Protein backbone atom coordinates (compact mmCIF):
# COMPACT_ATOMS: atom_id res chain seq x y z
CA MET A 1 92.12 28.39 -4.54
CA ASN A 2 93.08 25.35 -2.47
CA ASP A 3 94.96 23.28 -5.02
CA LYS A 4 97.84 21.19 -3.74
CA ILE A 5 101.02 22.23 -5.51
CA ALA A 6 104.60 21.03 -5.36
CA ILE A 7 107.76 23.06 -5.71
CA ILE A 8 110.81 20.93 -6.44
CA GLY A 9 113.96 22.69 -5.32
CA ALA A 10 115.04 24.69 -2.30
CA GLY A 11 117.16 27.39 -3.94
CA PRO A 12 116.38 31.03 -4.81
CA LEU A 13 113.71 30.34 -7.45
CA ALA A 14 111.95 27.81 -5.21
CA SER A 15 111.99 30.32 -2.36
CA ILE A 16 110.59 33.11 -4.52
CA LEU A 17 107.79 30.85 -5.75
CA ALA A 18 106.97 29.53 -2.31
CA HIS A 19 106.66 33.01 -0.86
CA ARG A 20 104.61 34.50 -3.71
CA ILE A 21 102.18 31.70 -4.49
CA PRO A 22 98.95 32.40 -2.56
CA THR A 23 98.71 31.09 0.98
CA SER A 24 95.45 29.38 0.04
CA ALA A 25 97.42 26.87 -2.04
CA ARG A 26 98.65 23.82 -0.16
CA LYS A 27 102.40 23.82 -0.75
CA VAL A 28 104.71 20.83 -0.78
CA ILE A 29 108.41 21.74 -0.87
CA ILE A 30 110.57 18.92 -2.21
CA GLY A 31 114.32 19.30 -2.01
CA ARG A 32 117.62 18.03 -0.72
CA PRO A 33 119.05 18.36 1.79
CA LYS A 34 115.74 17.95 3.54
CA ALA A 35 116.71 20.57 6.10
CA SER A 36 116.57 23.23 3.37
CA ALA A 37 113.12 22.07 2.27
CA VAL A 38 111.93 22.05 5.89
CA ALA A 39 113.21 25.57 6.49
CA LEU A 40 111.43 26.90 3.40
CA ALA A 41 108.24 24.99 4.16
CA ASP A 42 108.20 26.43 7.68
CA GLU A 43 108.47 29.96 6.27
CA VAL A 44 105.46 29.55 3.96
CA GLY A 45 103.23 27.21 5.97
CA GLY A 46 103.85 24.20 3.75
CA VAL A 47 105.09 20.67 4.23
CA ALA A 48 108.52 19.39 3.28
CA SER A 49 109.93 16.21 1.80
CA ASP A 50 113.13 14.96 0.21
CA GLN A 51 111.24 12.28 -1.75
CA VAL A 52 109.88 12.84 -5.27
CA SER A 53 106.93 10.61 -4.42
CA ALA A 54 105.56 13.61 -2.49
CA VAL A 55 104.20 14.95 -5.80
CA ARG A 56 101.31 12.50 -5.48
CA GLY A 57 98.01 14.34 -5.46
CA CYS A 58 99.52 17.64 -6.59
CA ARG A 59 97.65 19.53 -9.28
CA VAL A 60 100.75 21.50 -10.31
CA VAL A 61 104.44 20.61 -9.98
CA PHE A 62 106.89 23.50 -10.44
CA LEU A 63 110.40 22.50 -11.47
CA ALA A 64 112.67 25.01 -9.71
CA VAL A 65 115.89 23.08 -10.15
CA PRO A 66 119.01 23.88 -12.22
CA THR A 67 118.64 23.22 -15.95
CA PRO A 68 120.93 20.15 -16.01
CA GLU A 69 118.70 18.47 -13.41
CA VAL A 70 115.32 19.12 -15.04
CA ALA A 71 115.10 16.10 -17.37
CA GLN A 72 116.11 13.63 -14.66
CA THR A 73 113.70 15.24 -12.21
CA VAL A 74 110.85 14.77 -14.69
CA ALA A 75 111.80 11.12 -15.12
CA ASP A 76 111.93 10.64 -11.35
CA ILE A 77 108.54 12.20 -10.62
CA ARG A 78 106.65 10.74 -13.57
CA PRO A 79 105.58 7.45 -11.87
CA HIS A 80 104.11 9.46 -8.99
CA LEU A 81 102.20 12.16 -10.88
CA SER A 82 98.43 12.40 -10.66
CA ALA A 83 96.45 11.86 -13.86
CA ASP A 84 95.65 15.59 -14.02
CA GLY A 85 99.06 16.71 -12.76
CA LEU A 86 100.65 19.60 -14.64
CA VAL A 87 104.45 19.80 -14.71
CA VAL A 88 105.81 23.33 -15.12
CA ASN A 89 109.19 23.93 -16.73
CA MET A 90 110.78 27.14 -15.42
CA ALA A 91 114.26 26.77 -16.93
CA ALA A 92 114.72 29.72 -19.29
CA ASP A 93 117.25 27.89 -21.46
CA LEU A 94 115.47 24.53 -21.74
CA PRO A 95 112.77 24.15 -24.43
CA THR A 96 109.64 22.59 -22.97
CA ALA A 97 109.33 20.44 -26.09
CA ASP A 98 112.42 18.55 -24.89
CA LEU A 99 110.42 17.33 -21.88
CA GLU A 100 107.13 16.45 -23.59
CA ASP A 101 106.11 12.80 -23.77
CA ASP A 102 102.93 10.80 -24.25
CA GLY A 103 100.67 11.06 -21.25
CA LEU A 104 102.72 13.83 -19.60
CA ARG A 105 101.45 17.40 -19.46
CA VAL A 106 104.30 19.90 -19.40
CA ALA A 107 103.78 23.65 -19.59
CA ALA A 108 106.23 26.53 -19.51
CA ALA A 109 106.19 29.37 -16.98
CA LYS A 110 109.41 31.33 -17.37
CA VAL A 111 110.39 34.43 -15.47
CA ILE A 112 112.15 37.55 -16.69
CA GLY A 113 113.84 39.00 -13.64
CA HIS A 114 117.07 38.90 -11.66
CA PRO A 115 116.85 36.47 -8.70
CA ARG A 116 118.36 39.01 -6.29
CA GLU A 117 115.82 41.67 -7.23
CA LEU A 118 112.96 39.17 -7.10
CA GLU A 119 114.05 38.04 -3.62
CA LEU A 120 113.87 41.68 -2.52
CA GLY A 121 110.26 41.87 -3.71
CA ALA A 122 110.63 43.39 -7.17
CA PRO A 123 108.12 42.13 -9.74
CA GLY A 124 109.21 40.05 -12.69
CA VAL A 125 107.38 39.12 -15.88
CA VAL A 126 106.07 35.56 -16.29
CA VAL A 127 105.65 34.14 -19.80
CA LEU A 128 103.35 31.11 -20.15
CA ASP A 129 103.63 28.77 -23.11
CA LYS A 130 102.37 25.30 -24.04
CA VAL A 131 99.25 25.81 -21.92
CA GLU A 132 95.58 25.03 -22.42
CA PRO A 133 93.11 27.81 -21.48
CA ALA A 134 92.18 26.25 -18.13
CA GLU A 135 95.85 25.68 -17.31
CA ALA A 136 96.68 29.27 -18.21
CA ASP A 137 93.99 30.51 -15.81
CA LEU A 138 95.28 28.23 -13.05
CA LEU A 139 98.90 29.28 -13.48
CA ALA A 140 98.00 32.96 -13.79
CA GLY A 141 96.24 32.74 -10.43
CA LEU A 142 99.13 30.96 -8.76
CA LEU A 143 101.80 33.27 -10.20
CA ALA A 144 100.02 36.63 -10.10
CA ASP A 145 102.22 37.92 -7.26
CA MET A 146 105.34 37.24 -9.34
CA GLY A 147 104.40 40.16 -11.62
CA PRO A 148 102.52 40.44 -14.92
CA VAL A 149 101.63 37.04 -16.39
CA VAL A 150 101.36 36.86 -20.18
CA GLN A 151 101.09 34.13 -22.78
CA GLY A 152 103.65 33.96 -25.54
CA ASP A 153 106.61 32.10 -26.97
CA GLU A 154 108.84 30.78 -24.16
CA ARG A 155 111.91 31.62 -26.27
CA THR A 156 111.11 35.28 -25.63
CA VAL A 157 112.40 34.92 -22.07
CA GLU A 158 115.86 33.70 -22.97
CA ALA A 159 116.10 36.34 -25.71
CA ALA A 160 115.00 39.08 -23.30
CA VAL A 161 117.48 38.04 -20.61
CA ARG A 162 120.29 37.92 -23.17
CA ALA A 163 119.37 41.32 -24.57
CA VAL A 164 119.24 42.97 -21.15
CA SER A 165 122.57 41.40 -20.14
CA GLU A 166 124.35 42.45 -23.33
CA VAL A 167 123.02 46.02 -23.38
CA LEU A 168 123.73 46.61 -19.69
CA ALA A 169 127.25 45.19 -20.03
CA GLU A 170 127.91 47.83 -22.68
CA ALA A 171 126.35 50.50 -20.44
CA ARG A 172 128.53 49.39 -17.51
CA ASP A 173 131.67 49.81 -19.59
CA GLU A 174 130.59 53.29 -20.69
CA LEU A 175 129.77 54.25 -17.10
CA HIS A 176 133.20 53.11 -15.95
CA ARG A 177 134.77 55.37 -18.57
CA ARG A 178 132.60 58.41 -17.83
CA LEU A 179 132.82 58.21 -14.03
CA ALA A 180 136.59 57.83 -14.21
CA ALA A 181 136.73 60.81 -16.58
CA ALA A 182 134.63 62.80 -14.09
CA GLY A 183 137.33 62.24 -11.49
CA LEU A 184 135.93 59.40 -9.42
CA PRO A 185 138.70 57.06 -8.16
CA ALA A 186 138.72 53.85 -10.16
CA HIS A 187 138.43 51.61 -7.11
CA VAL A 188 135.05 53.12 -6.08
CA VAL A 189 133.48 53.25 -9.55
CA PRO A 190 131.88 49.77 -9.25
CA ALA A 191 130.32 50.71 -5.89
CA ALA A 192 128.94 53.95 -7.33
CA ILE A 193 127.35 52.13 -10.25
CA ALA A 194 125.90 49.44 -7.97
CA ALA A 195 124.46 52.09 -5.63
CA ALA A 196 122.84 54.36 -8.22
CA GLY A 197 122.36 52.18 -11.29
CA PRO A 198 119.50 49.85 -10.29
CA GLY A 199 117.26 52.66 -9.03
CA VAL A 200 117.88 54.86 -12.05
CA LEU A 201 117.27 51.97 -14.44
CA ARG A 202 114.07 50.99 -12.61
CA ALA A 203 112.80 54.57 -12.76
CA LEU A 204 113.57 54.85 -16.47
CA ALA A 205 111.88 51.52 -17.15
CA MET A 206 108.74 52.82 -15.43
CA GLY A 207 108.75 55.99 -17.52
CA GLU A 208 110.17 58.42 -14.95
CA GLU A 209 112.35 60.83 -16.88
CA ASN A 210 113.73 62.94 -13.98
CA THR A 211 116.49 60.58 -12.86
CA THR A 212 119.32 63.09 -12.42
CA GLY A 213 120.21 65.43 -9.57
CA GLU A 214 117.48 65.61 -6.95
CA GLY A 215 115.54 62.91 -8.80
CA VAL A 216 118.19 60.40 -7.73
CA TRP A 217 119.16 61.67 -4.30
CA ARG A 218 115.89 63.00 -2.88
CA HIS A 219 114.87 61.63 0.50
CA ALA A 220 111.41 61.52 2.02
CA GLY A 221 111.27 65.22 2.93
CA ALA A 222 109.60 67.36 0.26
CA GLY A 223 112.25 69.35 -1.57
CA GLU A 224 114.97 67.98 0.71
CA THR A 225 118.06 66.27 -0.63
CA ALA A 226 120.86 64.32 0.95
CA ALA A 227 123.16 67.32 0.56
CA SER A 228 120.70 69.67 2.30
CA ARG A 229 120.71 67.45 5.38
CA VAL A 230 124.43 67.90 5.96
CA SER A 231 125.27 70.45 8.66
CA HIS A 232 127.77 73.12 7.74
């Protein structure tokens, strides 16, 4: 795969994309200030620009900008797009239909995943929508390192993110209550949840049922726990 692709943006999503899209793709990082685009391009072996005209010749253009900037970005790049250029909407809360226009190919590739976890290397789930078969194959190849890539309704992503946020907010409140009831000082409860919660949730999501006791605190040594390492 040696397609020339553009990533517009220099924030967390742009960085995640730039690092996970295969090195065989020729990457153009477009963002302002240009120094941010240059820094990201240097990290991934790409080229940088602060001009939207740099999308010329790109087979795929990923829009990794905040939702309020997407429509204007599309308008800005449109005169410079190649005839076979594919614009990819990644904004979870912006329907791709709002960007469609005659002569402009816009697909959706939306990610379920927290930016902080994705930056640390955790996989997300990518949902493709509004894609032709050849486009789906192309995007699946480019985004394979982001995590599982599936085709479906783009609205699933926003619904999934909302569901996870709402359910975990309720779980957080219950954890605050139970940890305080167990005798943990209130001022350290948030730190305890932040330290143990993500790992336990990840294990449960992957089907690991033993997430209590040694299942949480075990270190690399077989049968050895954090407590057993403490000298008495």
